[in-house]
């Protein structure tokens, strides 16, 4: 009897893992700062971003790279995130091209004690494969070991690739 219960639980966990893989949480896009737009209300160019503030949500502040920065591999990433964004002092960062092709996915490390609800600095360098597109995104996701989709958080920052 116990064997059937344990077997059923294992099958249920496998099915749940497959469902979570097929239907991942959608990233929350970063809303562009109006000061980054030019006079014609067009989307800003990479040079419009000089001196722009970091990308900020209530849980994460990305200092570098900023929205629409031109990046090359490896790219240095820095900012602050609430301790709840981390698990075991890291969280995943993904670099995507304009077609959503993954160019790199690596953990970024906290540089201070992450066992807090306060903001904790993070820093890392991400090497990525050359993009076939001129634009892309950096996806910052909280590390969510529970797998609970309701606890998943993310932001996307649009970037440009050095050609």
C-alpha atoms as a PDB file:
ATOM      1  CA  UNK A   1       0.000   0.000   0.000  1.00  0.00           C
ATOM      2  CA  UNK A   2       2.792   2.451   0.937  1.00  0.00           C
ATOM      3  CA  UNK A   3       4.601   1.580  -2.281  1.00  0.00           C
ATOM      4  CA  UNK A   4       1.585   2.623  -4.342  1.00  0.00           C
ATOM      5  CA  UNK A   5       1.280   5.899  -2.436  1.00  0.00           C
ATOM      6  CA  UNK A   6       4.985   6.702  -2.880  1.00  0.00           C
ATOM      7  CA  UNK A   7       4.839   5.695  -6.540  1.00  0.00           C
ATOM      8  CA  UNK A   8       1.821   7.915  -7.079  1.00  0.00           C
ATOM      9  CA  UNK A   9       3.567  10.851  -5.403  1.00  0.00           C
ATOM     10  CA  UNK A  10       6.644  10.390  -7.578  1.00  0.00           C
ATOM     11  CA  UNK A  11       4.536  10.297 -10.750  1.00  0.00           C
ATOM     12  CA  UNK A  12       2.664  13.408  -9.586  1.00  0.00           C
ATOM     13  CA  UNK A  13       5.951  15.263  -8.961  1.00  0.00           C
ATOM     14  CA  UNK A  14       7.273  14.284 -12.393  1.00  0.00           C
ATOM     15  CA  UNK A  15       4.079  15.489 -14.091  1.00  0.00           C
ATOM     16  CA  UNK A  16       4.239  18.758 -12.126  1.00  0.00           C
ATOM     17  CA  UNK A  17       7.890  19.282 -13.139  1.00  0.00           C
ATOM     18  CA  UNK A  18       6.998  18.711 -16.811  1.00  0.00           C
ATOM     19  CA  UNK A  19       4.097  21.176 -16.618  1.00  0.00           C
ATOM     20  CA  UNK A  20       6.332  23.826 -15.003  1.00  0.00           C
ATOM     21  CA  UNK A  21       8.924  23.339 -17.769  1.00  0.00           C
ATOM     22  CA  UNK A  22       6.315  23.651 -20.530  1.00  0.00           C
ATOM     23  CA  UNK A  23       4.587  26.689 -19.014  1.00  0.00           C
ATOM     24  CA  UNK A  24       7.245  28.853 -17.315  1.00  0.00           C
ATOM     25  CA  UNK A  25       6.368  32.138 -15.627  1.00  0.00           C
ATOM     26  CA  UNK A  26       6.324  35.063 -18.015  1.00  0.00           C
ATOM     27  CA  UNK A  27       8.898  37.787 -17.302  1.00  0.00           C
ATOM     28  CA  UNK A  28       7.664  41.183 -16.197  1.00  0.00           C
ATOM     29  CA  UNK A  29       9.046  43.735 -18.655  1.00  0.00           C
ATOM     30  CA  UNK A  30      10.778  46.845 -17.404  1.00  0.00           C
ATOM     31  CA  UNK A  31       8.756  49.924 -18.291  1.00  0.00           C
ATOM     32  CA  UNK A  32      11.056  52.357 -20.096  1.00  0.00           C
ATOM     33  CA  UNK A  33      11.727  55.618 -18.312  1.00  0.00           C
ATOM     34  CA  UNK A  34      10.099  58.459 -20.281  1.00  0.00           C
ATOM     35  CA  UNK A  35      13.363  60.410 -20.012  1.00  0.00           C
ATOM     36  CA  UNK A  36      14.967  57.787 -22.247  1.00  0.00           C
ATOM     37  CA  UNK A  37      12.656  58.657 -25.146  1.00  0.00           C
ATOM     38  CA  UNK A  38      13.566  61.372 -27.624  1.00  0.00           C
ATOM     39  CA  UNK A  39      11.476  64.414 -28.562  1.00  0.00           C
ATOM     40  CA  UNK A  40       9.441  62.495 -31.185  1.00  0.00           C
ATOM     41  CA  UNK A  41       8.250  60.014 -28.544  1.00  0.00           C
ATOM     42  CA  UNK A  42      10.198  57.241 -30.249  1.00  0.00           C
ATOM     43  CA  UNK A  43      12.013  54.496 -28.435  1.00  0.00           C
ATOM     44  CA  UNK A  44      15.416  55.752 -27.376  1.00  0.00           C
ATOM     45  CA  UNK A  45      18.674  54.816 -29.033  1.00  0.00           C
ATOM     46  CA  UNK A  46      21.631  53.439 -27.053  1.00  0.00           C
ATOM     47  CA  UNK A  47      23.135  56.920 -26.776  1.00  0.00           C
ATOM     48  CA  UNK A  48      19.916  58.272 -25.191  1.00  0.00           C
ATOM     49  CA  UNK A  49      20.779  56.152 -22.160  1.00  0.00           C
ATOM     50  CA  UNK A  50      23.877  58.059 -21.012  1.00  0.00           C
ATOM     51  CA  UNK A  51      23.461  58.905 -17.341  1.00  0.00           C
ATOM     52  CA  UNK A  52      20.065  57.175 -17.116  1.00  0.00           C
ATOM     53  CA  UNK A  53      19.023  55.771 -13.736  1.00  0.00           C
ATOM     54  CA  UNK A  54      19.248  52.064 -13.072  1.00  0.00           C
ATOM     55  CA  UNK A  55      16.332  49.736 -13.793  1.00  0.00           C
ATOM     56  CA  UNK A  56      14.387  49.477 -10.533  1.00  0.00           C
ATOM     57  CA  UNK A  57      11.525  47.407  -9.194  1.00  0.00           C
ATOM     58  CA  UNK A  58      10.500  46.947  -5.572  1.00  0.00           C
ATOM     59  CA  UNK A  59      12.788  43.886  -5.365  1.00  0.00           C
ATOM     60  CA  UNK A  60      15.742  44.521  -7.680  1.00  0.00           C
ATOM     61  CA  UNK A  61      17.827  47.484  -8.846  1.00  0.00           C
ATOM     62  CA  UNK A  62      20.017  46.827 -11.885  1.00  0.00           C
ATOM     63  CA  UNK A  63      22.874  49.312 -12.139  1.00  0.00           C
ATOM     64  CA  UNK A  64      24.720  47.771 -15.061  1.00  0.00           C
ATOM     65  CA  UNK A  65      24.004  47.278 -17.841  1.00  0.00           C
ATOM     66  CA  UNK A  66      21.325  49.900 -18.270  1.00  0.00           C
ATOM     67  CA  UNK A  67      18.432  49.745 -20.697  1.00  0.00           C
ATOM     68  CA  UNK A  68      19.619  49.850 -24.336  1.00  0.00           C
ATOM     69  CA  UNK A  69      23.332  49.743 -23.429  1.00  0.00           C
ATOM     70  CA  UNK A  70      25.608  48.236 -26.054  1.00  0.00           C
ATOM     71  CA  UNK A  71      27.209  45.121 -24.582  1.00  0.00           C
ATOM     72  CA  UNK A  72      29.864  42.618 -25.601  1.00  0.00           C
ATOM     73  CA  UNK A  73      30.990  39.344 -24.088  1.00  0.00           C
ATOM     74  CA  UNK A  74      31.761  39.118 -21.266  1.00  0.00           C
ATOM     75  CA  UNK A  75      29.344  41.668 -19.816  1.00  0.00           C
ATOM     76  CA  UNK A  76      29.674  42.879 -16.233  1.00  0.00           C
ATOM     77  CA  UNK A  77      26.395  42.859 -14.320  1.00  0.00           C
ATOM     78  CA  UNK A  78      25.784  44.649 -11.039  1.00  0.00           C
ATOM     79  CA  UNK A  79      23.028  45.973  -8.837  1.00  0.00           C
ATOM     80  CA  UNK A  80      21.103  45.176  -5.681  1.00  0.00           C
ATOM     81  CA  UNK A  81      18.267  42.779  -4.975  1.00  0.00           C
ATOM     82  CA  UNK A  82      16.318  41.957  -1.869  1.00  0.00           C
ATOM     83  CA  UNK A  83      17.637  38.914  -0.055  1.00  0.00           C
ATOM     84  CA  UNK A  84      14.419  37.098  -0.948  1.00  0.00           C
ATOM     85  CA  UNK A  85      15.471  37.282  -4.630  1.00  0.00           C
ATOM     86  CA  UNK A  86      18.413  34.934  -3.888  1.00  0.00           C
ATOM     87  CA  UNK A  87      18.693  31.279  -2.958  1.00  0.00           C
ATOM     88  CA  UNK A  88      22.037  30.092  -1.645  1.00  0.00           C
ATOM     89  CA  UNK A  89      23.386  33.583  -2.463  1.00  0.00           C
ATOM     90  CA  UNK A  90      22.646  33.490  -6.202  1.00  0.00           C
ATOM     91  CA  UNK A  91      19.931  33.941  -8.822  1.00  0.00           C
ATOM     92  CA  UNK A  92      19.831  33.172 -12.564  1.00  0.00           C
ATOM     93  CA  UNK A  93      20.574  35.702 -15.293  1.00  0.00           C
ATOM     94  CA  UNK A  94      19.855  34.873 -18.932  1.00  0.00           C
ATOM     95  CA  UNK A  95      21.076  36.706 -22.015  1.00  0.00           C
ATOM     96  CA  UNK A  96      18.696  36.355 -24.952  1.00  0.00           C
ATOM     97  CA  UNK A  97      18.877  37.573 -28.525  1.00  0.00           C
ATOM     98  CA  UNK A  98      15.932  39.340 -30.211  1.00  0.00           C
ATOM     99  CA  UNK A  99      14.538  35.927 -31.260  1.00  0.00           C
ATOM    100  CA  UNK A 100      14.587  34.799 -27.588  1.00  0.00           C
ATOM    101  CA  UNK A 101      17.457  32.388 -28.278  1.00  0.00           C
ATOM    102  CA  UNK A 102      19.435  31.795 -25.072  1.00  0.00           C
ATOM    103  CA  UNK A 103      23.025  32.996 -25.474  1.00  0.00           C
ATOM    104  CA  UNK A 104      23.972  32.361 -21.826  1.00  0.00           C
ATOM    105  CA  UNK A 105      22.323  31.451 -18.518  1.00  0.00           C
ATOM    106  CA  UNK A 106      24.418  31.736 -15.376  1.00  0.00           C
ATOM    107  CA  UNK A 107      23.969  32.374 -11.666  1.00  0.00           C
ATOM    108  CA  UNK A 108      24.905  35.831 -10.382  1.00  0.00           C
ATOM    109  CA  UNK A 109      26.302  35.958  -6.855  1.00  0.00           C
ATOM    110  CA  UNK A 110      25.447  38.144  -3.889  1.00  0.00           C
ATOM    111  CA  UNK A 111      28.477  40.048  -2.619  1.00  0.00           C
ATOM    112  CA  UNK A 112      27.162  40.395   0.939  1.00  0.00           C
ATOM    113  CA  UNK A 113      24.990  38.459   3.386  1.00  0.00           C
ATOM    114  CA  UNK A 114      21.832  37.521   1.462  1.00  0.00           C
ATOM    115  CA  UNK A 115      19.880  36.210   4.455  1.00  0.00           C
ATOM    116  CA  UNK A 116      17.827  39.395   4.820  1.00  0.00           C
ATOM    117  CA  UNK A 117      14.825  41.151   3.332  1.00  0.00           C
ATOM    118  CA  UNK A 118      16.945  44.267   2.717  1.00  0.00           C
ATOM    119  CA  UNK A 119      18.749  45.010  -0.538  1.00  0.00           C
ATOM    120  CA  UNK A 120      21.920  42.986  -1.090  1.00  0.00           C
ATOM    121  CA  UNK A 121      24.542  43.914  -3.714  1.00  0.00           C
ATOM    122  CA  UNK A 122      25.254  41.455  -6.531  1.00  0.00           C
ATOM    123  CA  UNK A 123      27.921  41.330  -9.184  1.00  0.00           C
ATOM    124  CA  UNK A 124      29.101  39.003 -11.888  1.00  0.00           C
ATOM    125  CA  UNK A 125      30.538  38.664 -15.348  1.00  0.00           C
ATOM    126  CA  UNK A 126      28.607  36.756 -18.008  1.00  0.00           C
ATOM    127  CA  UNK A 127      30.280  35.365 -21.121  1.00  0.00           C
ATOM    128  CA  UNK A 128      27.828  34.710 -23.937  1.00  0.00           C
ATOM    129  CA  UNK A 129      27.865  33.365 -27.477  1.00  0.00           C
ATOM    130  CA  UNK A 130      27.821  35.872 -30.334  1.00  0.00           C
ATOM    131  CA  UNK A 131      24.339  36.992 -31.276  1.00  0.00           C
ATOM    132  CA  UNK A 132      23.025  36.894 -34.824  1.00  0.00           C
ATOM    133  CA  UNK A 133      20.721  39.808 -33.947  1.00  0.00           C
ATOM    134  CA  UNK A 134      21.689  43.367 -33.027  1.00  0.00           C
ATOM    135  CA  UNK A 135      19.332  43.573 -30.060  1.00  0.00           C
ATOM    136  CA  UNK A 136      18.304  41.332 -27.212  1.00  0.00           C
ATOM    137  CA  UNK A 137      17.450  41.171 -23.538  1.00  0.00           C
ATOM    138  CA  UNK A 138      18.972  40.398 -20.167  1.00  0.00           C
ATOM    139  CA  UNK A 139      16.499  38.459 -18.047  1.00  0.00           C
ATOM    140  CA  UNK A 140      16.870  38.652 -14.254  1.00  0.00           C
ATOM    141  CA  UNK A 141      14.847  36.006 -12.385  1.00  0.00           C
ATOM    142  CA  UNK A 142      14.508  35.434  -8.682  1.00  0.00           C
ATOM    143  CA  UNK A 143      15.799  32.032  -7.610  1.00  0.00           C
ATOM    144  CA  UNK A 144      12.618  30.159  -6.760  1.00  0.00           C
ATOM    145  CA  UNK A 145      13.478  26.676  -5.469  1.00  0.00           C
ATOM    146  CA  UNK A 146       9.843  26.066  -4.486  1.00  0.00           C
ATOM    147  CA  UNK A 147       8.774  25.933  -8.130  1.00  0.00           C
ATOM    148  CA  UNK A 148       5.643  27.887  -7.155  1.00  0.00           C
ATOM    149  CA  UNK A 149       4.826  30.039 -10.188  1.00  0.00           C
ATOM    150  CA  UNK A 150       3.157  32.645  -7.959  1.00  0.00           C
ATOM    151  CA  UNK A 151       6.525  33.243  -6.262  1.00  0.00           C
ATOM    152  CA  UNK A 152       8.385  33.720  -9.558  1.00  0.00           C
ATOM    153  CA  UNK A 153       9.565  37.253 -10.318  1.00  0.00           C
ATOM    154  CA  UNK A 154      11.614  38.611 -13.188  1.00  0.00           C
ATOM    155  CA  UNK A 155      12.564  41.703 -15.117  1.00  0.00           C
ATOM    156  CA  UNK A 156      13.880  42.073 -18.646  1.00  0.00           C
ATOM    157  CA  UNK A 157      16.212  44.796 -19.773  1.00  0.00           C
ATOM    158  CA  UNK A 158      16.509  45.458 -23.512  1.00  0.00           C
ATOM    159  CA  UNK A 159      20.120  45.675 -24.712  1.00  0.00           C
ATOM    160  CA  UNK A 160      22.078  46.072 -27.935  1.00  0.00           C
ATOM    161  CA  UNK A 161      24.955  43.812 -28.980  1.00  0.00           C
ATOM    162  CA  UNK A 162      28.264  45.235 -30.135  1.00  0.00           C
ATOM    163  CA  UNK A 163      28.726  44.163 -33.748  1.00  0.00           C
END
